[in-house]
Amino acid sequence: MSVLTEAKAEGLVDRLERILEACIAAQEEVAGVLGRKQAASVKMNLPLLEAANSEMEVAAVRWTELETARRATVEALAERLRTTPDRLDLREIIGLAEEPRRGRLATLRARLKSKAAQVAHLHAVDLSLTEVSLDYVRDMLRLLTRGGEKQPTYGPDGKEAPPRGGLPMIDHVA
């Protein structure tokens, strides 16, 4: 009989497994959203970029819910095992479980770590694309604010042409 069975904690471990599966699904969703966001950034498609940002906000709320449920489950499990939640991590829980649960938990842990690494990489790429976009905007603002420094335009007769409306120039950068 395992320590988990003796502590009547099997139901809590079942709940933890479901939460970990939901965490993996949430990470997969975040990876998909980051991919769509990156594609929108490269194409400079603002409506798609805004949609992806909204999806990220929803994903962040979902992740917070899952993390809250995971913490509550680990706290309840720690109480049953007569330990403190900060001393009880997933590796410890895996070590207390018997087969086949040990294998399932180890697989979930590995999948979650892998997805988290993938999302971290995609997030880093997203940040660099955002920096490039901001650099582009800064460069365009610099060009627009230097409008008064341009050489005058010349007409067909070679003389300086009088100014003709055109685009209003930006006086300063906000």
Protein backbone atom coordinates (compact mmCIF):
# COMPACT_ATOMS: atom_id res chain seq x y z
CA MET A 1 0.00 0.00 0.00
CA SER A 2 1.41 3.40 -0.98
CA VAL A 3 1.78 6.42 1.24
CA LEU A 4 -0.84 8.14 -0.88
CA THR A 5 -3.34 5.34 -0.31
CA GLU A 6 -2.65 5.30 3.41
CA ALA A 7 -3.21 9.04 3.60
CA LYS A 8 -6.45 8.66 1.61
CA ALA A 9 -5.02 11.09 -0.95
CA GLU A 10 -5.74 9.14 -4.15
CA GLY A 11 -8.67 11.42 -5.04
CA LEU A 12 -6.45 14.46 -4.67
CA VAL A 13 -3.82 12.91 -6.92
CA ASP A 14 -6.56 12.16 -9.48
CA ARG A 15 -7.54 15.84 -9.34
CA LEU A 16 -3.89 16.85 -9.70
CA GLU A 17 -3.57 14.66 -12.81
CA ARG A 18 -6.60 16.36 -14.38
CA ILE A 19 -5.16 19.79 -13.54
CA LEU A 20 -1.80 18.87 -15.08
CA GLU A 21 -3.54 17.67 -18.25
CA ALA A 22 -5.45 20.97 -18.37
CA CYS A 23 -2.15 22.85 -17.88
CA ILE A 24 -0.65 21.04 -20.85
CA ALA A 25 -3.70 21.89 -22.97
CA ALA A 26 -3.46 25.53 -21.84
CA GLN A 27 0.23 25.66 -22.78
CA GLU A 28 -0.60 24.19 -26.21
CA GLU A 29 -3.22 26.90 -26.66
CA VAL A 30 -0.72 29.61 -25.66
CA ALA A 31 1.78 28.19 -28.16
CA GLY A 32 -0.87 28.40 -30.89
CA VAL A 33 -1.79 31.96 -29.95
CA LEU A 34 1.88 33.01 -29.94
CA GLY A 35 2.27 31.47 -33.40
CA ARG A 36 -0.75 33.42 -34.69
CA LYS A 37 0.54 36.58 -33.01
CA GLN A 38 3.94 36.20 -34.64
CA ALA A 39 2.38 35.66 -38.07
CA ALA A 40 0.24 38.78 -37.58
CA SER A 41 3.31 40.77 -36.48
CA VAL A 42 5.33 39.74 -39.52
CA LYS A 43 2.43 40.65 -41.85
CA MET A 44 1.72 43.79 -39.78
CA ASN A 45 -1.92 42.73 -39.67
CA LEU A 46 -3.21 44.85 -36.79
CA PRO A 47 -6.69 43.27 -36.51
CA LEU A 48 -5.18 39.77 -36.24
CA LEU A 49 -2.56 41.06 -33.80
CA GLU A 50 -5.27 42.59 -31.62
CA ALA A 51 -7.25 39.33 -31.73
CA ALA A 52 -4.16 37.36 -30.69
CA ASN A 53 -3.51 39.78 -27.83
CA SER A 54 -7.09 39.29 -26.64
CA GLU A 55 -6.61 35.52 -26.80
CA MET A 56 -3.45 35.88 -24.71
CA GLU A 57 -5.41 37.75 -22.06
CA VAL A 58 -7.98 34.94 -21.92
CA ALA A 59 -5.19 32.36 -21.74
CA ALA A 60 -3.58 34.26 -18.85
CA VAL A 61 -6.85 34.17 -16.90
CA ARG A 62 -7.21 30.44 -17.62
CA TRP A 63 -3.62 29.81 -16.48
CA THR A 64 -4.27 31.71 -13.24
CA GLU A 65 -7.33 29.55 -12.59
CA LEU A 66 -5.35 26.36 -13.20
CA GLU A 67 -2.47 27.50 -11.00
CA THR A 68 -4.89 28.37 -8.20
CA ALA A 69 -6.49 24.92 -8.46
CA ARG A 70 -3.08 23.24 -8.53
CA ARG A 71 -1.92 25.09 -5.42
CA ALA A 72 -5.12 24.27 -3.55
CA THR A 73 -4.78 20.60 -4.48
CA VAL A 74 -1.13 20.47 -3.41
CA GLU A 75 -2.03 22.19 -0.11
CA ALA A 76 -4.78 19.63 0.55
CA LEU A 77 -2.42 16.81 -0.40
CA ALA A 78 0.30 18.21 1.89
CA GLU A 79 -2.18 18.37 4.73
CA ARG A 80 -3.13 14.72 4.21
CA LEU A 81 0.53 13.74 4.10
CA ARG A 82 1.31 15.87 7.15
CA THR A 83 3.86 18.08 5.44
CA THR A 84 3.99 21.64 4.17
CA PRO A 85 3.02 22.58 0.60
CA ASP A 86 6.40 24.20 -0.08
CA ARG A 87 8.11 20.87 0.62
CA LEU A 88 5.79 18.91 -1.67
CA ASP A 89 6.56 19.26 -5.37
CA LEU A 90 5.56 17.06 -8.28
CA ARG A 91 8.77 15.01 -8.11
CA GLU A 92 8.01 14.23 -4.46
CA ILE A 93 4.43 13.23 -5.32
CA ILE A 94 5.70 11.02 -8.16
CA GLY A 95 8.07 9.35 -5.71
CA LEU A 96 5.20 8.59 -3.32
CA ALA A 97 2.98 7.08 -6.02
CA GLU A 98 2.93 3.45 -7.13
CA GLU A 99 2.82 2.19 -10.71
CA PRO A 100 0.99 2.83 -13.01
CA ARG A 101 0.20 6.23 -11.46
CA ARG A 102 3.91 7.00 -11.04
CA GLY A 103 4.43 6.57 -14.78
CA ARG A 104 1.40 8.71 -15.66
CA LEU A 105 2.53 11.51 -13.34
CA ALA A 106 6.10 11.35 -14.66
CA THR A 107 4.82 11.54 -18.24
CA LEU A 108 2.59 14.51 -17.41
CA ARG A 109 5.51 16.27 -15.72
CA ALA A 110 7.78 15.70 -18.73
CA ARG A 111 5.11 16.88 -21.19
CA LEU A 112 4.41 19.99 -19.11
CA LYS A 113 8.11 20.86 -18.89
CA SER A 114 8.48 20.39 -22.64
CA LYS A 115 5.47 22.60 -23.41
CA ALA A 116 6.68 25.25 -20.98
CA ALA A 117 10.07 25.31 -22.73
CA GLN A 118 8.37 25.61 -26.13
CA VAL A 119 6.18 28.49 -24.90
CA ALA A 120 9.21 30.23 -23.36
CA HIS A 121 11.00 30.04 -26.73
CA LEU A 122 7.96 31.32 -28.63
CA HIS A 123 7.57 34.11 -26.10
CA ALA A 124 11.21 35.16 -26.60
CA VAL A 125 10.68 35.24 -30.38
CA ASP A 126 7.50 37.26 -29.86
CA LEU A 127 9.37 39.79 -27.73
CA SER A 128 12.06 40.20 -30.39
CA LEU A 129 9.40 40.71 -33.10
CA THR A 130 7.75 43.33 -30.90
CA GLU A 131 11.10 45.10 -30.52
CA VAL A 132 11.60 45.10 -34.29
CA SER A 133 8.09 46.52 -34.78
CA LEU A 134 8.74 49.24 -32.22
CA ASP A 135 12.04 50.09 -33.91
CA TYR A 136 10.19 50.41 -37.21
CA VAL A 137 7.62 52.76 -35.64
CA ARG A 138 10.39 54.84 -34.02
CA ASP A 139 12.22 55.10 -37.34
CA MET A 140 9.06 56.21 -39.13
CA LEU A 141 8.37 58.83 -36.46
CA ARG A 142 11.94 60.13 -36.81
CA LEU A 143 11.51 60.41 -40.58
CA LEU A 144 8.21 62.21 -40.23
CA THR A 145 9.51 64.65 -37.62
CA ARG A 146 12.49 65.56 -39.85
CA GLY A 147 10.19 66.74 -42.64
CA GLY A 148 11.32 70.37 -42.27
CA GLU A 149 14.94 69.38 -42.88
CA LYS A 150 14.26 68.11 -46.42
CA GLN A 151 15.66 69.84 -49.45
CA PRO A 152 13.04 71.79 -51.40
CA THR A 153 11.45 70.19 -54.41
CA TYR A 154 12.00 71.68 -57.84
CA GLY A 155 9.58 72.23 -60.66
CA PRO A 156 10.09 71.34 -64.37
CA ASP A 157 11.80 74.67 -64.94
CA GLY A 158 14.50 73.85 -62.34
CA LYS A 159 13.33 76.50 -59.91
CA GLU A 160 12.28 75.79 -56.37
CA ALA A 161 8.63 74.74 -56.38
CA PRO A 162 6.27 76.41 -53.93
CA PRO A 163 5.09 74.14 -51.09
CA ARG A 164 1.91 72.20 -51.94
CA GLY A 165 -0.07 70.90 -48.99
CA GLY A 166 0.88 67.25 -48.72
CA LEU A 167 0.99 65.28 -45.53
CA PRO A 168 0.83 67.24 -42.29
CA MET A 169 4.11 66.85 -40.48
CA ILE A 170 4.39 65.83 -36.86
CA ASP A 171 5.85 68.64 -34.75
CA HIS A 172 7.08 66.49 -31.93
CA VAL A 173 7.23 62.93 -30.72
CA ALA A 174 4.81 62.15 -27.91
